[in-house]
Structure formats: C-alpha cells, structure tokens
Amino acid sequence: MQSMILPLVILLVLMAPDQADAYVGPGLGAGTIGVILGIIGSLFIALFAIIWYPLKRLFKKKKKQSQETEQ
C-alpha cells in the first residue's frame, strides 16, 4: 500500500497545476478544433460503416429472394 502512495501523490501534484502561463494563438486553437472534429467525424463514419454494410448486404439478399419468388 505504501508503494502506491508516492506515485499517487506525484500524479495528483502534476494534475493540479497552480498557474499556467500559456498563450493559445488562433492557429493552434483552430488546429486543435480541427483535430477534435476530425477524430469525432472519423468515429461516426466508422460506426456508420460498421452498421450500414451488413444492412446493405441484407437488403440485397432480400431483394434477390423477392425477385426469385416473383419469377
């Protein structure tokens, strides 16, 4: 238990800075927003692809079966 205390204290000290003297300019801010939107967009596209392609295959299969029964 005592071996976990020191890393935990160090982690808490690093996670709670007293003051940050930093300037985020318009280029860095726009780049950060672009990266965040890109990651979110790619996650939505991946989710859409995972859901859509099996459904597309199912629709094709049902359409093919309905055409076969009509003939």
PDB file of N, CA and C in Angstrom:
ATOM      1  N   MET A   1       0.823  -1.197   0.000  1.00  0.00           N
ATOM      2  CA  MET A   1       0.000   0.000   0.000  1.00  0.00           C
ATOM      3  C   MET A   1       0.866   1.259   0.000  1.00  0.00           C
ATOM      4  N   GLN A   2       1.951   1.227   0.777  1.00  0.00           N
ATOM      5  CA  GLN A   2       2.809   2.404   0.863  1.00  0.00           C
ATOM      6  C   GLN A   2       3.545   2.661  -0.440  1.00  0.00           C
ATOM      7  N   SER A   3       3.778   1.629  -1.226  1.00  0.00           N
ATOM      8  CA  SER A   3       4.464   1.824  -2.501  1.00  0.00           C
ATOM      9  C   SER A   3       3.572   2.558  -3.502  1.00  0.00           C
ATOM     10  N   MET A   4       2.279   2.581  -3.284  1.00  0.00           N
ATOM     11  CA  MET A   4       1.340   3.267  -4.172  1.00  0.00           C
ATOM     12  C   MET A   4       1.142   4.731  -3.793  1.00  0.00           C
ATOM     13  N   ILE A   5       1.502   5.108  -2.587  1.00  0.00           N
ATOM     14  CA  ILE A   5       1.241   6.466  -2.105  1.00  0.00           C
ATOM     15  C   ILE A   5       2.087   7.494  -2.844  1.00  0.00           C
ATOM     16  N   LEU A   6       3.380   7.247  -2.989  1.00  0.00           N
ATOM     17  CA  LEU A   6       4.266   8.216  -3.635  1.00  0.00           C
ATOM     18  C   LEU A   6       3.877   8.457  -5.097  1.00  0.00           C
ATOM     19  N   PRO A   7       3.659   7.441  -5.916  1.00  0.00           N
ATOM     20  CA  PRO A   7       3.225   7.715  -7.300  1.00  0.00           C
ATOM     21  C   PRO A   7       1.873   8.431  -7.363  1.00  0.00           C
ATOM     22  N   LEU A   8       0.985   8.114  -6.446  1.00  0.00           N
ATOM     23  CA  LEU A   8      -0.316   8.768  -6.418  1.00  0.00           C
ATOM     24  C   LEU A   8      -0.175  10.246  -6.071  1.00  0.00           C
ATOM     25  N   VAL A   9       0.675  10.568  -5.113  1.00  0.00           N
ATOM     26  CA  VAL A   9       0.906  11.967  -4.737  1.00  0.00           C
ATOM     27  C   VAL A   9       1.533  12.725  -5.903  1.00  0.00           C
ATOM     28  N   ILE A  10       2.511  12.118  -6.570  1.00  0.00           N
ATOM     29  CA  ILE A  10       3.151  12.759  -7.721  1.00  0.00           C
ATOM     30  C   ILE A  10       2.142  12.999  -8.833  1.00  0.00           C
ATOM     31  N   LEU A  11       1.308  12.021  -9.095  1.00  0.00           N
ATOM     32  CA  LEU A  11       0.274  12.161 -10.122  1.00  0.00           C
ATOM     33  C   LEU A  11      -0.703  13.276  -9.786  1.00  0.00           C
ATOM     34  N   LEU A  12      -1.123  13.356  -8.537  1.00  0.00           N
ATOM     35  CA  LEU A  12      -2.057  14.407  -8.137  1.00  0.00           C
ATOM     36  C   LEU A  12      -1.416  15.791  -8.234  1.00  0.00           C
ATOM     37  N   VAL A  13      -0.152  15.907  -7.890  1.00  0.00           N
ATOM     38  CA  VAL A  13       0.541  17.194  -7.988  1.00  0.00           C
ATOM     39  C   VAL A  13       0.658  17.618  -9.444  1.00  0.00           C
ATOM     40  N   LEU A  14       0.966  16.679 -10.330  1.00  0.00           N
ATOM     41  CA  LEU A  14       1.099  17.008 -11.747  1.00  0.00           C
ATOM     42  C   LEU A  14      -0.241  17.337 -12.403  1.00  0.00           C
ATOM     43  N   MET A  15      -1.323  16.779 -11.895  1.00  0.00           N
ATOM     44  CA  MET A  15      -2.643  17.018 -12.487  1.00  0.00           C
ATOM     45  C   MET A  15      -3.284  18.310 -12.008  1.00  0.00           C
ATOM     46  N   ALA A  16      -2.748  18.936 -10.987  1.00  0.00           N
ATOM     47  CA  ALA A  16      -3.338  20.153 -10.440  1.00  0.00           C
ATOM     48  C   ALA A  16      -2.336  21.302 -10.490  1.00  0.00           C
ATOM     49  N   PRO A  17      -2.083  21.863 -11.668  1.00  0.00           N
ATOM     50  CA  PRO A  17      -1.130  22.975 -11.731  1.00  0.00           C
ATOM     51  C   PRO A  17      -1.712  24.220 -11.065  1.00  0.00           C
ATOM     52  N   ASP A  18      -0.838  24.972 -10.438  1.00  0.00           N
ATOM     53  CA  ASP A  18      -1.270  26.184  -9.752  1.00  0.00           C
ATOM     54  C   ASP A  18      -1.602  27.283 -10.752  1.00  0.00           C
ATOM     55  N   GLN A  19      -0.735  27.472 -11.744  1.00  0.00           N
ATOM     56  CA  GLN A  19      -0.959  28.525 -12.718  1.00  0.00           C
ATOM     57  C   GLN A  19      -0.285  28.112 -14.020  1.00  0.00           C
ATOM     58  N   ALA A  20      -0.956  28.369 -15.105  1.00  0.00           N
ATOM     59  CA  ALA A  20      -0.381  28.060 -16.413  1.00  0.00           C
ATOM     60  C   ALA A  20      -0.261  29.360 -17.198  1.00  0.00           C
ATOM     61  N   ASP A  21       0.957  29.775 -17.457  1.00  0.00           N
ATOM     62  CA  ASP A  21       1.197  30.976 -18.252  1.00  0.00           C
ATOM     63  C   ASP A  21       1.422  30.538 -19.697  1.00  0.00           C
ATOM     64  N   ALA A  22       0.336  30.339 -20.403  1.00  0.00           N
ATOM     65  CA  ALA A  22       0.443  29.862 -21.777  1.00  0.00           C
ATOM     66  C   ALA A  22      -0.518  30.651 -22.646  1.00  0.00           C
ATOM     67  N   TYR A  23      -0.122  30.807 -23.904  1.00  0.00           N
ATOM     68  CA  TYR A  23      -0.962  31.509 -24.867  1.00  0.00           C
ATOM     69  C   TYR A  23      -1.309  30.548 -25.992  1.00  0.00           C
ATOM     70  N   VAL A  24      -2.587  30.385 -26.223  1.00  0.00           N
ATOM     71  CA  VAL A  24      -3.053  29.562 -27.328  1.00  0.00           C
ATOM     72  C   VAL A  24      -3.489  30.525 -28.417  1.00  0.00           C
ATOM     73  N   GLY A  25      -2.673  30.609 -29.459  1.00  0.00           N
ATOM     74  CA  GLY A  25      -2.972  31.521 -30.557  1.00  0.00           C
ATOM     75  C   GLY A  25      -4.069  30.973 -31.449  1.00  0.00           C
ATOM     76  N   PRO A  26      -4.501  31.779 -32.410  1.00  0.00           N
ATOM     77  CA  PRO A  26      -5.590  31.341 -33.279  1.00  0.00           C
ATOM     78  C   PRO A  26      -5.214  30.134 -34.138  1.00  0.00           C
ATOM     79  N   GLY A  27      -3.949  30.019 -34.534  1.00  0.00           N
ATOM     80  CA  GLY A  27      -3.537  28.874 -35.347  1.00  0.00           C
ATOM     81  C   GLY A  27      -3.600  27.577 -34.566  1.00  0.00           C
ATOM     82  N   LEU A  28      -3.079  27.596 -33.357  1.00  0.00           N
ATOM     83  CA  LEU A  28      -3.092  26.405 -32.524  1.00  0.00           C
ATOM     84  C   LEU A  28      -4.515  26.047 -32.107  1.00  0.00           C
ATOM     85  N   GLY A  29      -5.309  27.052 -31.795  1.00  0.00           N
ATOM     86  CA  GLY A  29      -6.700  26.786 -31.408  1.00  0.00           C
ATOM     87  C   GLY A  29      -7.504  26.189 -32.549  1.00  0.00           C
ATOM     88  N   ALA A  30      -7.344  26.743 -33.757  1.00  0.00           N
ATOM     89  CA  ALA A  30      -8.071  26.218 -34.913  1.00  0.00           C
ATOM     90  C   ALA A  30      -7.593  24.815 -35.257  1.00  0.00           C
ATOM     91  N   GLY A  31      -6.289  24.584 -35.129  1.00  0.00           N
ATOM     92  CA  GLY A  31      -5.758  23.246 -35.396  1.00  0.00           C
ATOM     93  C   GLY A  31      -6.287  22.222 -34.414  1.00  0.00           C
ATOM     94  N   THR A  32      -6.360  22.609 -33.155  1.00  0.00           N
ATOM     95  CA  THR A  32      -6.882  21.710 -32.129  1.00  0.00           C
ATOM     96  C   THR A  32      -8.349  21.383 -32.387  1.00  0.00           C
ATOM     97  N   ILE A  33      -9.126  22.396 -32.720  1.00  0.00           N
ATOM     98  CA  ILE A  33     -10.545  22.165 -33.021  1.00  0.00           C
ATOM     99  C   ILE A  33     -10.677  21.268 -34.252  1.00  0.00           C
ATOM    100  N   GLY A  34      -9.829  21.485 -35.264  1.00  0.00           N
ATOM    101  CA  GLY A  34      -9.863  20.652 -36.460  1.00  0.00           C
ATOM    102  C   GLY A  34      -9.543  19.203 -36.162  1.00  0.00           C
ATOM    103  N   VAL A  35      -8.553  18.980 -35.312  1.00  0.00           N
ATOM    104  CA  VAL A  35      -8.190  17.606 -34.949  1.00  0.00           C
ATOM    105  C   VAL A  35      -9.319  16.933 -34.182  1.00  0.00           C
ATOM    106  N   ILE A  36      -9.906  17.651 -33.240  1.00  0.00           N
ATOM    107  CA  ILE A  36     -11.004  17.077 -32.455  1.00  0.00           C
ATOM    108  C   ILE A  36     -12.190  16.740 -33.354  1.00  0.00           C
ATOM    109  N   LEU A  37     -12.550  17.660 -34.255  1.00  0.00           N
ATOM    110  CA  LEU A  37     -13.663  17.387 -35.174  1.00  0.00           C
ATOM    111  C   LEU A  37     -13.337  16.244 -36.122  1.00  0.00           C
ATOM    112  N   GLY A  38     -12.086  16.138 -36.540  1.00  0.00           N
ATOM    113  CA  GLY A  38     -11.677  15.041 -37.404  1.00  0.00           C
ATOM    114  C   GLY A  38     -11.789  13.692 -36.722  1.00  0.00           C
ATOM    115  N   ILE A  39     -11.380  13.627 -35.475  1.00  0.00           N
ATOM    116  CA  ILE A  39     -11.482  12.370 -34.720  1.00  0.00           C
ATOM    117  C   ILE A  39     -12.938  11.988 -34.514  1.00  0.00           C
ATOM    118  N   ILE A  40     -13.764  12.958 -34.119  1.00  0.00           N
ATOM    119  CA  ILE A  40     -15.187  12.671 -33.912  1.00  0.00           C
ATOM    120  C   ILE A  40     -15.838  12.247 -35.225  1.00  0.00           C
ATOM    121  N   GLY A  41     -15.512  12.936 -36.318  1.00  0.00           N
ATOM    122  CA  GLY A  41     -16.074  12.583 -37.621  1.00  0.00           C
ATOM    123  C   GLY A  41     -15.663  11.197 -38.066  1.00  0.00           C
ATOM    124  N   SER A  42     -14.406  10.850 -37.859  1.00  0.00           N
ATOM    125  CA  SER A  42     -13.957   9.518 -38.263  1.00  0.00           C
ATOM    126  C   SER A  42     -14.616   8.428 -37.427  1.00  0.00           C
ATOM    127  N   LEU A  43     -14.879   8.715 -36.154  1.00  0.00           N
ATOM    128  CA  LEU A  43     -15.590   7.732 -35.331  1.00  0.00           C
ATOM    129  C   LEU A  43     -17.018   7.528 -35.833  1.00  0.00           C
ATOM    130  N   PHE A  44     -17.699   8.612 -36.206  1.00  0.00           N
ATOM    131  CA  PHE A  44     -19.050   8.484 -36.743  1.00  0.00           C
ATOM    132  C   PHE A  44     -19.058   7.739 -38.073  1.00  0.00           C
ATOM    133  N   ILE A  45     -18.080   8.011 -38.928  1.00  0.00           N
ATOM    134  CA  ILE A  45     -18.005   7.317 -40.213  1.00  0.00           C
ATOM    135  C   ILE A  45     -17.734   5.835 -39.999  1.00  0.00           C
ATOM    136  N   ALA A  46     -16.848   5.504 -39.066  1.00  0.00           N
ATOM    137  CA  ALA A  46     -16.559   4.100 -38.773  1.00  0.00           C
ATOM    138  C   ALA A  46     -17.805   3.390 -38.236  1.00  0.00           C
ATOM    139  N   LEU A  47     -18.513   4.048 -37.345  1.00  0.00           N
ATOM    140  CA  LEU A  47     -19.733   3.460 -36.802  1.00  0.00           C
ATOM    141  C   LEU A  47     -20.776   3.266 -37.898  1.00  0.00           C
ATOM    142  N   PHE A  48     -20.913   4.247 -38.770  1.00  0.00           N
ATOM    143  CA  PHE A  48     -21.854   4.148 -39.886  1.00  0.00           C
ATOM    144  C   PHE A  48     -21.488   2.983 -40.803  1.00  0.00           C
ATOM    145  N   ALA A  49     -20.188   2.830 -41.091  1.00  0.00           N
ATOM    146  CA  ALA A  49     -19.741   1.747 -41.965  1.00  0.00           C
ATOM    147  C   ALA A  49     -19.998   0.385 -41.328  1.00  0.00           C
ATOM    148  N   ILE A  50     -19.753   0.284 -40.043  1.00  0.00           N
ATOM    149  CA  ILE A  50     -19.973  -0.990 -39.356  1.00  0.00           C
ATOM    150  C   ILE A  50     -21.450  -1.370 -39.373  1.00  0.00           C
ATOM    151  N   ILE A  51     -22.318  -0.389 -39.270  1.00  0.00           N
ATOM    152  CA  ILE A  51     -23.758  -0.672 -39.258  1.00  0.00           C
ATOM    153  C   ILE A  51     -24.318  -0.794 -40.664  1.00  0.00           C
ATOM    154  N   TRP A  52     -23.890   0.049 -41.606  1.00  0.00           N
ATOM    155  CA  TRP A  52     -24.518   0.127 -42.914  1.00  0.00           C
ATOM    156  C   TRP A  52     -24.209  -1.068 -43.812  1.00  0.00           C
ATOM    157  N   TYR A  53     -22.958  -1.500 -43.894  1.00  0.00           N
ATOM    158  CA  TYR A  53     -22.616  -2.528 -44.862  1.00  0.00           C
ATOM    159  C   TYR A  53     -23.305  -3.873 -44.596  1.00  0.00           C
ATOM    160  N   PRO A  54     -23.439  -4.348 -43.377  1.00  0.00           N
ATOM    161  CA  PRO A  54     -24.237  -5.569 -43.171  1.00  0.00           C
ATOM    162  C   PRO A  54     -25.714  -5.365 -43.536  1.00  0.00           C
ATOM    163  N   LEU A  55     -26.251  -4.178 -43.253  1.00  0.00           N
ATOM    164  CA  LEU A  55     -27.637  -3.911 -43.633  1.00  0.00           C
ATOM    165  C   LEU A  55     -27.782  -3.873 -45.153  1.00  0.00           C
ATOM    166  N   LYS A  56     -26.823  -3.307 -45.830  1.00  0.00           N
ATOM    167  CA  LYS A  56     -26.848  -3.247 -47.289  1.00  0.00           C
ATOM    168  C   LYS A  56     -26.828  -4.651 -47.880  1.00  0.00           C
ATOM    169  N   ARG A  57     -25.993  -5.512 -47.332  1.00  0.00           N
ATOM    170  CA  ARG A  57     -25.937  -6.899 -47.790  1.00  0.00           C
ATOM    171  C   ARG A  57     -27.269  -7.615 -47.535  1.00  0.00           C
ATOM    172  N   LEU A  58     -27.878  -7.351 -46.391  1.00  0.00           N
ATOM    173  CA  LEU A  58     -29.170  -7.958 -46.066  1.00  0.00           C
ATOM    174  C   LEU A  58     -30.245  -7.480 -47.028  1.00  0.00           C
ATOM    175  N   PHE A  59     -30.254  -6.184 -47.352  1.00  0.00           N
ATOM    176  CA  PHE A  59     -31.242  -5.655 -48.297  1.00  0.00           C
ATOM    177  C   PHE A  59     -31.070  -6.274 -49.676  1.00  0.00           C
ATOM    178  N   LYS A  60     -29.822  -6.458 -50.112  1.00  0.00           N
ATOM    179  CA  LYS A  60     -29.580  -7.078 -51.410  1.00  0.00           C
ATOM    180  C   LYS A  60     -30.086  -8.518 -51.426  1.00  0.00           C
ATOM    181  N   LYS A  61     -29.833  -9.227 -50.333  1.00  0.00           N
ATOM    182  CA  LYS A  61     -30.257 -10.622 -50.241  1.00  0.00           C
ATOM    183  C   LYS A  61     -31.781 -10.717 -50.288  1.00  0.00           C
ATOM    184  N   LYS A  62     -32.476  -9.850 -49.549  1.00  0.00           N
ATOM    185  CA  LYS A  62     -33.944  -9.868 -49.542  1.00  0.00           C
ATOM    186  C   LYS A  62     -34.497  -9.489 -50.915  1.00  0.00           C
ATOM    187  N   LYS A  63     -33.865  -8.516 -51.568  1.00  0.00           N
ATOM    188  CA  LYS A  63     -34.323  -8.094 -52.887  1.00  0.00           C
ATOM    189  C   LYS A  63     -34.139  -9.232 -53.892  1.00  0.00           C
ATOM    190  N   LYS A  64     -33.021  -9.924 -53.807  1.00  0.00           N
ATOM    191  CA  LYS A  64     -32.764 -11.042 -54.706  1.00  0.00           C
ATOM    192  C   LYS A  64     -33.766 -12.173 -54.466  1.00  0.00           C
ATOM    193  N   GLN A  65     -34.091 -12.442 -53.212  1.00  0.00           N
ATOM    194  CA  GLN A  65     -35.058 -13.503 -52.883  1.00  0.00           C
ATOM    195  C   GLN A  65     -36.455 -13.116 -53.381  1.00  0.00           C
ATOM    196  N   SER A  66     -36.819 -11.851 -53.241  1.00  0.00           N
ATOM    197  CA  SER A  66     -38.157 -11.431 -53.699  1.00  0.00           C
ATOM    198  C   SER A  66     -38.256 -11.488 -55.218  1.00  0.00           C
ATOM    199  N   GLN A  67     -37.147 -11.193 -55.923  1.00  0.00           N
ATOM    200  CA  GLN A  67     -37.166 -11.285 -57.370  1.00  0.00           C
ATOM    201  C   GLN A  67     -37.251 -12.733 -57.831  1.00  0.00           C
ATOM    202  N   GLU A  68     -36.616 -13.644 -57.110  1.00  0.00           N
ATOM    203  CA  GLU A  68     -36.679 -15.053 -57.454  1.00  0.00           C
ATOM    204  C   GLU A  68     -38.070 -15.634 -57.234  1.00  0.00           C
ATOM    205  N   THR A  69     -38.749 -15.185 -56.190  1.00  0.00           N
ATOM    206  CA  THR A  69     -40.094 -15.720 -55.920  1.00  0.00           C
ATOM    207  C   THR A  69     -41.117 -15.157 -56.899  1.00  0.00           C
ATOM    208  N   GLU A  70     -40.877 -13.980 -57.449  1.00  0.00           N
ATOM    209  CA  GLU A  70     -41.806 -13.385 -58.399  1.00  0.00           C
ATOM    210  C   GLU A  70     -41.748 -14.087 -59.758  1.00  0.00           C
ATOM    211  N   GLN A  71     -40.633 -14.687 -60.089  1.00  0.00           N
ATOM    212  CA  GLN A  71     -40.476 -15.324 -61.403  1.00  0.00           C
ATOM    213  C   GLN A  71     -41.070 -16.660 -61.452  1.00  0.00           C
TER     214      GLN A  71
END
